[in-house]
PDB file of N, CA and C in Angstrom:
ATOM      1  N   UNK A   1      10.289 136.545-130.639  1.00  0.00           N
ATOM      2  CA  UNK A   1      10.204 136.688-128.835  1.00  0.00           C
ATOM      3  C   UNK A   1      10.731 135.223-128.917  1.00  0.00           C
ATOM      4  N   UNK A   2      11.752 135.142-127.724  1.00  0.00           N
ATOM      5  CA  UNK A   2      12.692 134.709-127.188  1.00  0.00           C
ATOM      6  C   UNK A   2      11.720 133.725-125.757  1.00  0.00           C
ATOM      7  N   UNK A   3      10.936 132.737-125.927  1.00  0.00           N
ATOM      8  CA  UNK A   3      10.330 132.283-124.366  1.00  0.00           C
ATOM      9  C   UNK A   3      11.354 131.641-123.682  1.00  0.00           C
ATOM     10  N   UNK A   4      11.322 131.567-122.371  1.00  0.00           N
ATOM     11  CA  UNK A   4      12.041 130.835-121.326  1.00  0.00           C
ATOM     12  C   UNK A   4      11.109 130.047-121.628  1.00  0.00           C
ATOM     13  N   UNK A   5      13.028 128.594-121.018  1.00  0.00           N
ATOM     14  CA  UNK A   5      12.491 127.073-120.871  1.00  0.00           C
ATOM     15  C   UNK A   5      11.110 127.174-119.631  1.00  0.00           C
ATOM     16  N   UNK A   6      10.335 125.969-119.792  1.00  0.00           N
ATOM     17  CA  UNK A   6       9.346 125.797-118.634  1.00  0.00           C
ATOM     18  C   UNK A   6       9.814 124.960-117.618  1.00  0.00           C
ATOM     19  N   UNK A   7      10.993 125.275-116.726  1.00  0.00           N
ATOM     20  CA  UNK A   7      11.483 125.010-116.007  1.00  0.00           C
ATOM     21  C   UNK A   7      10.522 125.499-114.402  1.00  0.00           C
ATOM     22  N   UNK A   8      10.336 124.470-113.595  1.00  0.00           N
ATOM     23  CA  UNK A   8       9.577 124.197-112.593  1.00  0.00           C
ATOM     24  C   UNK A   8       8.568 124.393-112.335  1.00  0.00           C
ATOM     25  N   UNK A   9       7.641 124.530-114.387  1.00  0.00           N
ATOM     26  CA  UNK A   9       6.175 124.765-114.707  1.00  0.00           C
ATOM     27  C   UNK A   9       5.750 123.657-114.426  1.00  0.00           C
ATOM     28  N   UNK A  10       4.439 123.207-113.793  1.00  0.00           N
ATOM     29  CA  UNK A  10       3.837 121.709-113.684  1.00  0.00           C
ATOM     30  C   UNK A  10       2.574 122.051-115.315  1.00  0.00           C
ATOM     31  N   UNK A  11       2.131 121.224-115.654  1.00  0.00           N
ATOM     32  CA  UNK A  11       1.169 121.414-116.844  1.00  0.00           C
ATOM     33  C   UNK A  11       0.010 121.111-115.996  1.00  0.00           C
ATOM     34  N   UNK A  12      -0.189 119.811-115.203  1.00  0.00           N
ATOM     35  CA  UNK A  12      -1.442 119.632-114.872  1.00  0.00           C
ATOM     36  C   UNK A  12      -1.487 118.264-115.713  1.00  0.00           C
ATOM     37  N   UNK A  13      -2.642 117.948-115.135  1.00  0.00           N
ATOM     38  CA  UNK A  13      -3.186 116.593-115.866  1.00  0.00           C
ATOM     39  C   UNK A  13      -4.647 116.885-116.114  1.00  0.00           C
ATOM     40  N   UNK A  14      -5.205 116.031-116.998  1.00  0.00           N
ATOM     41  CA  UNK A  14      -6.959 116.122-117.663  1.00  0.00           C
ATOM     42  C   UNK A  14      -7.664 114.480-117.727  1.00  0.00           C
ATOM     43  N   UNK A  15      -8.130 114.853-117.611  1.00  0.00           N
ATOM     44  CA  UNK A  15      -9.104 113.054-116.877  1.00  0.00           C
ATOM     45  C   UNK A  15     -10.819 113.095-117.431  1.00  0.00           C
ATOM     46  N   UNK A  16     -11.080 114.210-118.327  1.00  0.00           N
ATOM     47  CA  UNK A  16     -12.170 113.825-118.855  1.00  0.00           C
ATOM     48  C   UNK A  16     -13.212 115.233-117.912  1.00  0.00           C
ATOM     49  N   UNK A  17     -13.245 115.326-116.530  1.00  0.00           N
ATOM     50  CA  UNK A  17     -14.155 116.033-115.832  1.00  0.00           C
ATOM     51  C   UNK A  17     -14.307 117.810-115.845  1.00  0.00           C
ATOM     52  N   UNK A  18     -12.649 117.937-116.408  1.00  0.00           N
ATOM     53  CA  UNK A  18     -12.546 119.649-116.613  1.00  0.00           C
ATOM     54  C   UNK A  18     -13.332 119.711-117.829  1.00  0.00           C
ATOM     55  N   UNK A  19     -13.337 121.761-118.743  1.00  0.00           N
ATOM     56  CA  UNK A  19     -13.198 121.713-119.525  1.00  0.00           C
ATOM     57  C   UNK A  19     -12.074 121.560-120.882  1.00  0.00           C
ATOM     58  N   UNK A  20     -12.100 120.693-121.432  1.00  0.00           N
ATOM     59  CA  UNK A  20     -11.045 120.270-122.911  1.00  0.00           C
ATOM     60  C   UNK A  20     -10.527 121.157-123.411  1.00  0.00           C
ATOM     61  N   UNK A  21     -11.428 122.238-123.821  1.00  0.00           N
ATOM     62  CA  UNK A  21     -10.535 123.278-124.688  1.00  0.00           C
ATOM     63  C   UNK A  21      -9.965 124.545-123.521  1.00  0.00           C
ATOM     64  N   UNK A  22     -10.020 124.279-122.833  1.00  0.00           N
ATOM     65  CA  UNK A  22      -8.813 125.000-121.528  1.00  0.00           C
ATOM     66  C   UNK A  22      -7.323 124.203-121.453  1.00  0.00           C
ATOM     67  N   UNK A  23      -8.087 122.952-120.933  1.00  0.00           N
ATOM     68  CA  UNK A  23      -7.001 122.523-121.261  1.00  0.00           C
ATOM     69  C   UNK A  23      -5.769 122.524-122.163  1.00  0.00           C
ATOM     70  N   UNK A  24      -6.587 122.295-123.581  1.00  0.00           N
ATOM     71  CA  UNK A  24      -5.437 121.593-124.732  1.00  0.00           C
ATOM     72  C   UNK A  24      -5.142 123.519-125.061  1.00  0.00           C
ATOM     73  N   UNK A  25      -5.900 124.565-124.396  1.00  0.00           N
ATOM     74  CA  UNK A  25      -5.051 125.837-124.892  1.00  0.00           C
ATOM     75  C   UNK A  25      -3.811 125.981-124.048  1.00  0.00           C
ATOM     76  N   UNK A  26      -4.204 125.386-122.700  1.00  0.00           N
ATOM     77  CA  UNK A  26      -2.623 125.810-121.732  1.00  0.00           C
ATOM     78  C   UNK A  26      -1.484 123.943-122.272  1.00  0.00           C
ATOM     79  N   UNK A  27      -2.174 123.467-122.937  1.00  0.00           N
ATOM     80  CA  UNK A  27      -1.329 122.504-123.961  1.00  0.00           C
ATOM     81  C   UNK A  27      -0.338 123.150-124.478  1.00  0.00           C
ATOM     82  N   UNK A  28      -0.976 123.229-125.756  1.00  0.00           N
ATOM     83  CA  UNK A  28      -0.589 124.369-126.471  1.00  0.00           C
ATOM     84  C   UNK A  28       0.650 125.474-126.385  1.00  0.00           C
ATOM     85  N   UNK A  29       0.004 126.170-125.128  1.00  0.00           N
ATOM     86  CA  UNK A  29       0.491 127.275-124.999  1.00  0.00           C
ATOM     87  C   UNK A  29       1.939 126.486-124.413  1.00  0.00           C
ATOM     88  N   UNK A  30       1.947 125.360-123.281  1.00  0.00           N
ATOM     89  CA  UNK A  30       3.175 124.876-122.838  1.00  0.00           C
ATOM     90  C   UNK A  30       4.332 124.167-123.455  1.00  0.00           C
ATOM     91  N   UNK A  31       3.140 123.673-124.928  1.00  0.00           N
ATOM     92  CA  UNK A  31       5.008 123.624-125.758  1.00  0.00           C
ATOM     93  C   UNK A  31       5.336 124.302-126.442  1.00  0.00           C
ATOM     94  N   UNK A  32       4.538 125.707-126.725  1.00  0.00           N
ATOM     95  CA  UNK A  32       4.952 126.646-127.515  1.00  0.00           C
ATOM     96  C   UNK A  32       5.265 126.415-128.522  1.00  0.00           C
ATOM     97  N   UNK A  33       5.841 127.213-129.568  1.00  0.00           N
ATOM     98  CA  UNK A  33       6.900 127.061-130.814  1.00  0.00           C
ATOM     99  C   UNK A  33       8.056 126.631-130.541  1.00  0.00           C
ATOM    100  N   UNK A  34       8.356 125.696-131.962  1.00  0.00           N
ATOM    101  CA  UNK A  34       9.368 125.379-131.774  1.00  0.00           C
ATOM    102  C   UNK A  34      10.074 125.858-133.170  1.00  0.00           C
ATOM    103  N   UNK A  35      11.163 126.246-132.721  1.00  0.00           N
ATOM    104  CA  UNK A  35      12.711 126.665-133.361  1.00  0.00           C
ATOM    105  C   UNK A  35      12.566 125.799-135.052  1.00  0.00           C
ATOM    106  N   UNK A  36      12.603 124.786-134.767  1.00  0.00           N
ATOM    107  CA  UNK A  36      12.662 123.777-136.388  1.00  0.00           C
ATOM    108  C   UNK A  36      10.741 123.515-136.519  1.00  0.00           C
ATOM    109  N   UNK A  37       9.848 123.830-135.969  1.00  0.00           N
ATOM    110  CA  UNK A  37       8.438 124.098-136.290  1.00  0.00           C
ATOM    111  C   UNK A  37       8.321 122.530-135.951  1.00  0.00           C
ATOM    112  N   UNK A  38       8.516 121.747-134.717  1.00  0.00           N
ATOM    113  CA  UNK A  38       8.072 120.434-134.084  1.00  0.00           C
ATOM    114  C   UNK A  38       7.576 120.867-133.201  1.00  0.00           C
ATOM    115  N   UNK A  39       6.307 122.026-132.955  1.00  0.00           N
ATOM    116  CA  UNK A  39       5.826 122.310-132.119  1.00  0.00           C
ATOM    117  C   UNK A  39       4.680 121.264-132.127  1.00  0.00           C
ATOM    118  N   UNK A  40       4.042 120.866-132.554  1.00  0.00           N
ATOM    119  CA  UNK A  40       3.132 119.575-132.570  1.00  0.00           C
ATOM    120  C   UNK A  40       3.425 118.080-132.250  1.00  0.00           C
ATOM    121  N   UNK A  41       4.770 117.786-132.417  1.00  0.00           N
ATOM    122  CA  UNK A  41       5.309 116.645-131.852  1.00  0.00           C
ATOM    123  C   UNK A  41       5.264 117.273-129.833  1.00  0.00           C
ATOM    124  N   UNK A  42       5.885 118.129-129.654  1.00  0.00           N
ATOM    125  CA  UNK A  42       6.238 118.544-128.189  1.00  0.00           C
ATOM    126  C   UNK A  42       4.784 118.997-127.785  1.00  0.00           C
ATOM    127  N   UNK A  43       3.321 118.875-128.190  1.00  0.00           N
ATOM    128  CA  UNK A  43       1.954 119.306-127.893  1.00  0.00           C
ATOM    129  C   UNK A  43       1.616 117.735-128.018  1.00  0.00           C
ATOM    130  N   UNK A  44       2.206 117.037-128.726  1.00  0.00           N
ATOM    131  CA  UNK A  44       1.570 115.249-128.111  1.00  0.00           C
ATOM    132  C   UNK A  44       2.334 114.846-127.001  1.00  0.00           C
ATOM    133  N   UNK A  45       3.455 115.451-127.308  1.00  0.00           N
ATOM    134  CA  UNK A  45       4.100 114.625-126.078  1.00  0.00           C
ATOM    135  C   UNK A  45       3.407 115.074-124.205  1.00  0.00           C
ATOM    136  N   UNK A  46       3.098 116.505-124.746  1.00  0.00           N
ATOM    137  CA  UNK A  46       2.820 116.997-123.372  1.00  0.00           C
ATOM    138  C   UNK A  46       1.213 116.524-123.344  1.00  0.00           C
ATOM    139  N   UNK A  47       0.552 116.286-123.687  1.00  0.00           N
ATOM    140  CA  UNK A  47      -0.868 116.083-123.662  1.00  0.00           C
ATOM    141  C   UNK A  47      -1.285 114.564-123.907  1.00  0.00           C
ATOM    142  N   UNK A  48       0.072 113.900-124.205  1.00  0.00           N
ATOM    143  CA  UNK A  48      -0.424 111.956-124.169  1.00  0.00           C
ATOM    144  C   UNK A  48       0.678 112.405-122.315  1.00  0.00           C
ATOM    145  N   UNK A  49       1.399 113.162-121.951  1.00  0.00           N
ATOM    146  CA  UNK A  49       1.814 112.831-121.165  1.00  0.00           C
ATOM    147  C   UNK A  49       0.649 113.617-119.363  1.00  0.00           C
ATOM    148  N   UNK A  50      -0.399 113.853-120.043  1.00  0.00           N
ATOM    149  CA  UNK A  50      -1.157 114.869-118.894  1.00  0.00           C
ATOM    150  C   UNK A  50      -2.538 114.158-118.965  1.00  0.00           C
ATOM    151  N   UNK A  51      -2.505 112.753-119.605  1.00  0.00           N
ATOM    152  CA  UNK A  51      -3.954 112.798-119.677  1.00  0.00           C
ATOM    153  C   UNK A  51      -4.120 111.425-118.426  1.00  0.00           C
ATOM    154  N   UNK A  52      -5.413 111.453-118.075  1.00  0.00           N
ATOM    155  CA  UNK A  52      -5.354 110.509-116.646  1.00  0.00           C
ATOM    156  C   UNK A  52      -6.732 109.991-116.904  1.00  0.00           C
ATOM    157  N   UNK A  53      -7.081 109.190-116.237  1.00  0.00           N
ATOM    158  CA  UNK A  53      -8.268 108.146-116.098  1.00  0.00           C
ATOM    159  C   UNK A  53      -9.001 107.989-117.264  1.00  0.00           C
ATOM    160  N   UNK A  54     -10.504 108.268-117.399  1.00  0.00           N
ATOM    161  CA  UNK A  54     -11.305 107.750-118.693  1.00  0.00           C
ATOM    162  C   UNK A  54     -10.391 108.559-120.030  1.00  0.00           C
ATOM    163  N   UNK A  55     -10.258 109.724-119.737  1.00  0.00           N
ATOM    164  CA  UNK A  55      -9.447 110.614-121.163  1.00  0.00           C
ATOM    165  C   UNK A  55      -8.348 109.548-121.272  1.00  0.00           C
ATOM    166  N   UNK A  56      -7.200 109.570-120.100  1.00  0.00           N
ATOM    167  CA  UNK A  56      -6.121 108.648-120.617  1.00  0.00           C
ATOM    168  C   UNK A  56      -5.931 107.042-121.253  1.00  0.00           C
ATOM    169  N   UNK A  57      -7.445 106.875-120.749  1.00  0.00           N
ATOM    170  CA  UNK A  57      -8.368 105.243-121.238  1.00  0.00           C
ATOM    171  C   UNK A  57      -7.423 105.269-123.428  1.00  0.00           C
ATOM    172  N   UNK A  58      -8.050 106.686-123.669  1.00  0.00           N
ATOM    173  CA  UNK A  58      -7.776 106.670-125.265  1.00  0.00           C
ATOM    174  C   UNK A  58      -6.739 106.111-125.828  1.00  0.00           C
ATOM    175  N   UNK A  59      -5.340 106.695-124.861  1.00  0.00           N
ATOM    176  CA  UNK A  59      -4.270 106.356-125.451  1.00  0.00           C
ATOM    177  C   UNK A  59      -3.944 104.618-125.369  1.00  0.00           C
ATOM    178  N   UNK A  60      -4.688 104.013-124.699  1.00  0.00           N
ATOM    179  CA  UNK A  60      -4.553 102.522-124.569  1.00  0.00           C
ATOM    180  C   UNK A  60      -4.995 102.205-125.864  1.00  0.00           C
ATOM    181  N   UNK A  61      -6.056 103.125-126.218  1.00  0.00           N
ATOM    182  CA  UNK A  61      -7.016 101.806-127.093  1.00  0.00           C
ATOM    183  C   UNK A  61      -6.478 102.782-128.825  1.00  0.00           C
ATOM    184  N   UNK A  62      -5.918 103.655-128.445  1.00  0.00           N
ATOM    185  CA  UNK A  62      -5.385 104.356-129.466  1.00  0.00           C
ATOM    186  C   UNK A  62      -3.892 103.286-130.609  1.00  0.00           C
ATOM    187  N   UNK A  63      -3.359 103.452-129.295  1.00  0.00           N
ATOM    188  CA  UNK A  63      -1.873 102.837-129.633  1.00  0.00           C
ATOM    189  C   UNK A  63      -0.468 103.641-129.688  1.00  0.00           C
ATOM    190  N   UNK A  64       0.350 103.337-129.748  1.00  0.00           N
ATOM    191  CA  UNK A  64       2.055 104.315-129.356  1.00  0.00           C
ATOM    192  C   UNK A  64       2.061 105.032-130.782  1.00  0.00           C
ATOM    193  N   UNK A  65       1.565 104.579-131.408  1.00  0.00           N
ATOM    194  CA  UNK A  65       2.022 105.852-132.647  1.00  0.00           C
ATOM    195  C   UNK A  65       0.645 106.350-133.233  1.00  0.00           C
ATOM    196  N   UNK A  66      -0.196 107.158-132.324  1.00  0.00           N
ATOM    197  CA  UNK A  66      -1.191 107.730-132.471  1.00  0.00           C
ATOM    198  C   UNK A  66      -0.372 109.201-132.778  1.00  0.00           C
ATOM    199  N   UNK A  67      -1.248 109.608-133.286  1.00  0.00           N
ATOM    200  CA  UNK A  67      -0.543 111.589-133.795  1.00  0.00           C
ATOM    201  C   UNK A  67      -1.453 112.402-133.100  1.00  0.00           C
ATOM    202  N   UNK A  68      -1.080 113.491-133.312  1.00  0.00           N
ATOM    203  CA  UNK A  68      -2.021 114.428-132.331  1.00  0.00           C
ATOM    204  C   UNK A  68      -3.456 115.051-133.006  1.00  0.00           C
ATOM    205  N   UNK A  69      -3.286 114.544-134.242  1.00  0.00           N
ATOM    206  CA  UNK A  69      -4.854 114.484-134.870  1.00  0.00           C
ATOM    207  C   UNK A  69      -5.654 113.382-134.788  1.00  0.00           C
ATOM    208  N   UNK A  70      -5.148 112.274-134.329  1.00  0.00           N
ATOM    209  CA  UNK A  70      -5.624 111.216-134.066  1.00  0.00           C
ATOM    210  C   UNK A  70      -6.184 111.586-132.432  1.00  0.00           C
ATOM    211  N   UNK A  71      -5.754 111.733-131.634  1.00  0.00           N
ATOM    212  CA  UNK A  71      -5.334 111.998-130.688  1.00  0.00           C
ATOM    213  C   UNK A  71      -6.647 113.192-130.037  1.00  0.00           C
ATOM    214  N   UNK A  72      -6.341 113.902-130.429  1.00  0.00           N
ATOM    215  CA  UNK A  72      -7.498 115.214-130.045  1.00  0.00           C
ATOM    216  C   UNK A  72      -8.921 115.298-130.813  1.00  0.00           C
ATOM    217  N   UNK A  73      -9.077 113.926-131.892  1.00  0.00           N
ATOM    218  CA  UNK A  73     -10.641 114.055-132.536  1.00  0.00           C
ATOM    219  C   UNK A  73     -11.583 112.902-131.429  1.00  0.00           C
ATOM    220  N   UNK A  74     -10.886 111.756-130.484  1.00  0.00           N
ATOM    221  CA  UNK A  74     -11.931 111.465-129.766  1.00  0.00           C
ATOM    222  C   UNK A  74     -11.913 112.383-128.777  1.00  0.00           C
ATOM    223  N   UNK A  75     -10.830 112.567-128.288  1.00  0.00           N
ATOM    224  CA  UNK A  75     -11.106 113.691-126.888  1.00  0.00           C
ATOM    225  C   UNK A  75     -12.202 115.012-127.619  1.00  0.00           C
ATOM    226  N   UNK A  76     -12.214 115.348-128.205  1.00  0.00           N
ATOM    227  CA  UNK A  76     -13.156 116.456-128.066  1.00  0.00           C
ATOM    228  C   UNK A  76     -14.587 115.719-128.534  1.00  0.00           C
ATOM    229  N   UNK A  77     -14.825 114.265-129.103  1.00  0.00           N
ATOM    230  CA  UNK A  77     -15.615 113.868-129.047  1.00  0.00           C
ATOM    231  C   UNK A  77     -16.208 113.101-128.204  1.00  0.00           C
ATOM    232  N   UNK A  78     -15.596 112.775-126.949  1.00  0.00           N
ATOM    233  CA  UNK A  78     -15.686 112.278-125.985  1.00  0.00           C
ATOM    234  C   UNK A  78     -15.903 113.090-124.850  1.00  0.00           C
ATOM    235  N   UNK A  79     -15.247 114.248-124.412  1.00  0.00           N
ATOM    236  CA  UNK A  79     -14.579 115.312-123.605  1.00  0.00           C
ATOM    237  C   UNK A  79     -14.853 116.399-124.158  1.00  0.00           C
ATOM    238  N   UNK A  80     -15.375 116.780-125.111  1.00  0.00           N
ATOM    239  CA  UNK A  80     -15.298 118.068-125.404  1.00  0.00           C
ATOM    240  C   UNK A  80     -16.468 118.799-125.318  1.00  0.00           C
ATOM    241  N   UNK A  81     -16.806 120.313-124.935  1.00  0.00           N
ATOM    242  CA  UNK A  81     -17.507 120.727-124.837  1.00  0.00           C
ATOM    243  C   UNK A  81     -19.097 120.390-125.072  1.00  0.00           C
ATOM    244  N   UNK A  82     -19.269 120.219-126.370  1.00  0.00           N
ATOM    245  CA  UNK A  82     -20.688 119.751-126.363  1.00  0.00           C
ATOM    246  C   UNK A  82     -21.088 118.454-125.690  1.00  0.00           C
ATOM    247  N   UNK A  83     -19.931 118.063-125.187  1.00  0.00           N
ATOM    248  CA  UNK A  83     -20.714 116.359-124.571  1.00  0.00           C
ATOM    249  C   UNK A  83     -20.220 116.967-122.729  1.00  0.00           C
ATOM    250  N   UNK A  84     -19.994 118.142-122.325  1.00  0.00           N
ATOM    251  CA  UNK A  84     -19.853 118.759-120.815  1.00  0.00           C
ATOM    252  C   UNK A  84     -21.423 119.245-120.854  1.00  0.00           C
ATOM    253  N   UNK A  85     -21.881 119.032-121.330  1.00  0.00           N
ATOM    254  CA  UNK A  85     -23.302 119.686-121.096  1.00  0.00           C
ATOM    255  C   UNK A  85     -24.305 118.931-119.871  1.00  0.00           C
TER     256      UNK A  85
END
């Protein structure tokens, strides 16, 4: 299935105050599959560009060479549904 590019579509931001799982699902959908298998690279790029406030502070704490798994782990710990209750 061919996907049109994300022309004119905005992902939005996440500051930790809304449902993390819903936001991460949107990031995965926005990044989409890569024809060369680099989907995680695109997902990381969009996720990093979208984080603000307390959630964005994690980027400073983790450093510039963070992987998708290294970033999503603390996001789940700090802002996941378990901690939203």
